[in-house]
Amino acid sequence: MKVDVQYWLVELDMHGNPELIDGSHDSRENADRALYLRKRLGFYTPVKRYAIARIEITKPDNAIHNDINETAAGEMRDKIREYRKDRE
């Protein structure tokens, strides 16, 4: 399985959840440089929390679905269809 690795500068929200703001970069060092550049250009806000995220991109494995409750999934699909129909 081929893995594509990307590095992103992220902004962390109050819960520590990341929002991708600058990337993708091919190395951690380049993502660090992006933060420095943002500071130099005036796009840096000191009250915000920043981090570097390493992201691995792979294709989904469609064979992994044996433990899904198909009955519940079918019922939910029907409910979603009803909801969408009512919204039209």
C-alpha atoms as a PDB file:
ATOM      1  CA  MET A   1       0.000   0.000   0.000  1.00  0.00           C
ATOM      2  CA  LYS A   2       1.419   3.364  -1.068  1.00  0.00           C
ATOM      3  CA  VAL A   3       1.368   6.041   1.621  1.00  0.00           C
ATOM      4  CA  ASP A   4       1.592   9.726   0.737  1.00  0.00           C
ATOM      5  CA  VAL A   5       2.911  11.767   3.685  1.00  0.00           C
ATOM      6  CA  GLN A   6       2.127  15.463   3.934  1.00  0.00           C
ATOM      7  CA  TYR A   7       2.952  18.066   6.573  1.00  0.00           C
ATOM      8  CA  TRP A   8       0.561  20.917   7.307  1.00  0.00           C
ATOM      9  CA  LEU A   9       0.624  23.971   9.493  1.00  0.00           C
ATOM     10  CA  VAL A  10      -2.549  23.760  11.559  1.00  0.00           C
ATOM     11  CA  GLU A  11      -4.436  26.067  13.867  1.00  0.00           C
ATOM     12  CA  LEU A  12      -5.810  24.350  16.975  1.00  0.00           C
ATOM     13  CA  ASP A  13      -9.235  25.254  18.270  1.00  0.00           C
ATOM     14  CA  MET A  14     -10.140  25.415  21.963  1.00  0.00           C
ATOM     15  CA  HIS A  15     -10.512  21.616  22.058  1.00  0.00           C
ATOM     16  CA  GLY A  16      -7.224  20.907  20.306  1.00  0.00           C
ATOM     17  CA  ASN A  17      -8.856  20.019  16.992  1.00  0.00           C
ATOM     18  CA  PRO A  18      -6.743  21.013  13.987  1.00  0.00           C
ATOM     19  CA  GLU A  19      -7.752  23.138  11.031  1.00  0.00           C
ATOM     20  CA  LEU A  20      -5.393  22.872   8.074  1.00  0.00           C
ATOM     21  CA  ILE A  21      -4.210  26.374   7.207  1.00  0.00           C
ATOM     22  CA  ASP A  22      -0.997  26.020   5.182  1.00  0.00           C
ATOM     23  CA  GLY A  23       0.250  23.065   3.143  1.00  0.00           C
ATOM     24  CA  SER A  24       0.756  20.582   1.950  1.00  0.00           C
ATOM     25  CA  HIS A  25       4.499  20.505   2.558  1.00  0.00           C
ATOM     26  CA  ASP A  26       6.877  17.669   1.761  1.00  0.00           C
ATOM     27  CA  SER A  27       8.788  17.976   5.045  1.00  0.00           C
ATOM     28  CA  ARG A  28       8.291  19.014   8.653  1.00  0.00           C
ATOM     29  CA  GLU A  29      10.933  21.711   8.193  1.00  0.00           C
ATOM     30  CA  ASN A  30       8.977  23.335   5.352  1.00  0.00           C
ATOM     31  CA  ALA A  31       5.822  23.406   7.476  1.00  0.00           C
ATOM     32  CA  ASP A  32       7.850  25.109  10.235  1.00  0.00           C
ATOM     33  CA  ARG A  33       9.082  27.623   7.654  1.00  0.00           C
ATOM     34  CA  ALA A  34       5.457  28.343   6.733  1.00  0.00           C
ATOM     35  CA  LEU A  35       4.773  29.472  10.309  1.00  0.00           C
ATOM     36  CA  TYR A  36       7.856  31.677  10.304  1.00  0.00           C
ATOM     37  CA  LEU A  37       6.790  33.186   6.959  1.00  0.00           C
ATOM     38  CA  ARG A  38       3.275  33.832   8.243  1.00  0.00           C
ATOM     39  CA  LYS A  39       4.799  35.680  11.211  1.00  0.00           C
ATOM     40  CA  ARG A  40       7.011  37.794   8.946  1.00  0.00           C
ATOM     41  CA  LEU A  41       4.084  38.668   6.648  1.00  0.00           C
ATOM     42  CA  GLY A  42       1.766  39.635   9.503  1.00  0.00           C
ATOM     43  CA  PHE A  43      -0.598  36.647   9.279  1.00  0.00           C
ATOM     44  CA  TYR A  44       0.315  35.347  12.733  1.00  0.00           C
ATOM     45  CA  THR A  45      -1.964  35.811  15.724  1.00  0.00           C
ATOM     46  CA  PRO A  46      -0.161  35.116  19.012  1.00  0.00           C
ATOM     47  CA  VAL A  47      -3.345  34.184  20.896  1.00  0.00           C
ATOM     48  CA  LYS A  48      -3.991  31.291  18.505  1.00  0.00           C
ATOM     49  CA  ARG A  49      -2.333  27.912  18.965  1.00  0.00           C
ATOM     50  CA  TYR A  50      -0.440  26.418  16.055  1.00  0.00           C
ATOM     51  CA  ALA A  51       1.007  22.977  15.411  1.00  0.00           C
ATOM     52  CA  ILE A  52       2.426  20.865  12.614  1.00  0.00           C
ATOM     53  CA  ALA A  53       0.323  17.899  11.471  1.00  0.00           C
ATOM     54  CA  ARG A  54       1.802  14.859   9.750  1.00  0.00           C
ATOM     55  CA  ILE A  55      -0.883  13.358   7.538  1.00  0.00           C
ATOM     56  CA  GLU A  56      -0.715   9.970   5.853  1.00  0.00           C
ATOM     57  CA  ILE A  57      -2.906   9.690   2.771  1.00  0.00           C
ATOM     58  CA  THR A  58      -3.915   6.181   1.735  1.00  0.00           C
ATOM     59  CA  LYS A  59      -6.713   4.713  -0.326  1.00  0.00           C
ATOM     60  CA  PRO A  60      -9.624   3.378   1.717  1.00  0.00           C
ATOM     61  CA  ASP A  61      -9.844  -0.373   2.193  1.00  0.00           C
ATOM     62  CA  ASN A  62     -13.304  -1.204   0.879  1.00  0.00           C
ATOM     63  CA  ALA A  63     -13.002  -4.793   2.099  1.00  0.00           C
ATOM     64  CA  ILE A  64     -13.224  -3.751   5.759  1.00  0.00           C
ATOM     65  CA  HIS A  65     -16.950  -3.708   6.372  1.00  0.00           C
ATOM     66  CA  ASN A  66     -17.654  -7.057   8.053  1.00  0.00           C
ATOM     67  CA  ASP A  67     -18.544  -5.527  11.422  1.00  0.00           C
ATOM     68  CA  ILE A  68     -21.035  -2.972  10.089  1.00  0.00           C
ATOM     69  CA  ASN A  69     -24.641  -3.492  11.192  1.00  0.00           C
ATOM     70  CA  GLU A  70     -26.253  -3.641   7.752  1.00  0.00           C
ATOM     71  CA  THR A  71     -29.785  -3.580   9.160  1.00  0.00           C
ATOM     72  CA  ALA A  72     -29.138  -0.345  11.049  1.00  0.00           C
ATOM     73  CA  ALA A  73     -27.342   1.168   8.043  1.00  0.00           C
ATOM     74  CA  GLY A  74     -30.323   0.360   5.812  1.00  0.00           C
ATOM     75  CA  GLU A  75     -32.769   1.873   8.307  1.00  0.00           C
ATOM     76  CA  MET A  76     -30.709   5.033   8.593  1.00  0.00           C
ATOM     77  CA  ARG A  77     -30.428   5.290   4.805  1.00  0.00           C
ATOM     78  CA  ASP A  78     -34.235   5.131   4.578  1.00  0.00           C
ATOM     79  CA  LYS A  79     -34.617   7.835   7.248  1.00  0.00           C
ATOM     80  CA  ILE A  80     -32.153  10.082   5.393  1.00  0.00           C
ATOM     81  CA  ARG A  81     -34.092   9.605   2.153  1.00  0.00           C
ATOM     82  CA  GLU A  82     -37.337  10.533   3.946  1.00  0.00           C
ATOM     83  CA  TYR A  83     -35.705  13.615   5.444  1.00  0.00           C
ATOM     84  CA  ARG A  84     -34.352  14.749   2.090  1.00  0.00           C
ATOM     85  CA  LYS A  85     -37.706  14.172   0.395  1.00  0.00           C
ATOM     86  CA  ASP A  86     -39.483  16.264   3.061  1.00  0.00           C
ATOM     87  CA  ARG A  87     -36.980  19.101   2.530  1.00  0.00           C
ATOM     88  CA  GLU A  88     -37.645  19.345  -1.237  1.00  0.00           C
END
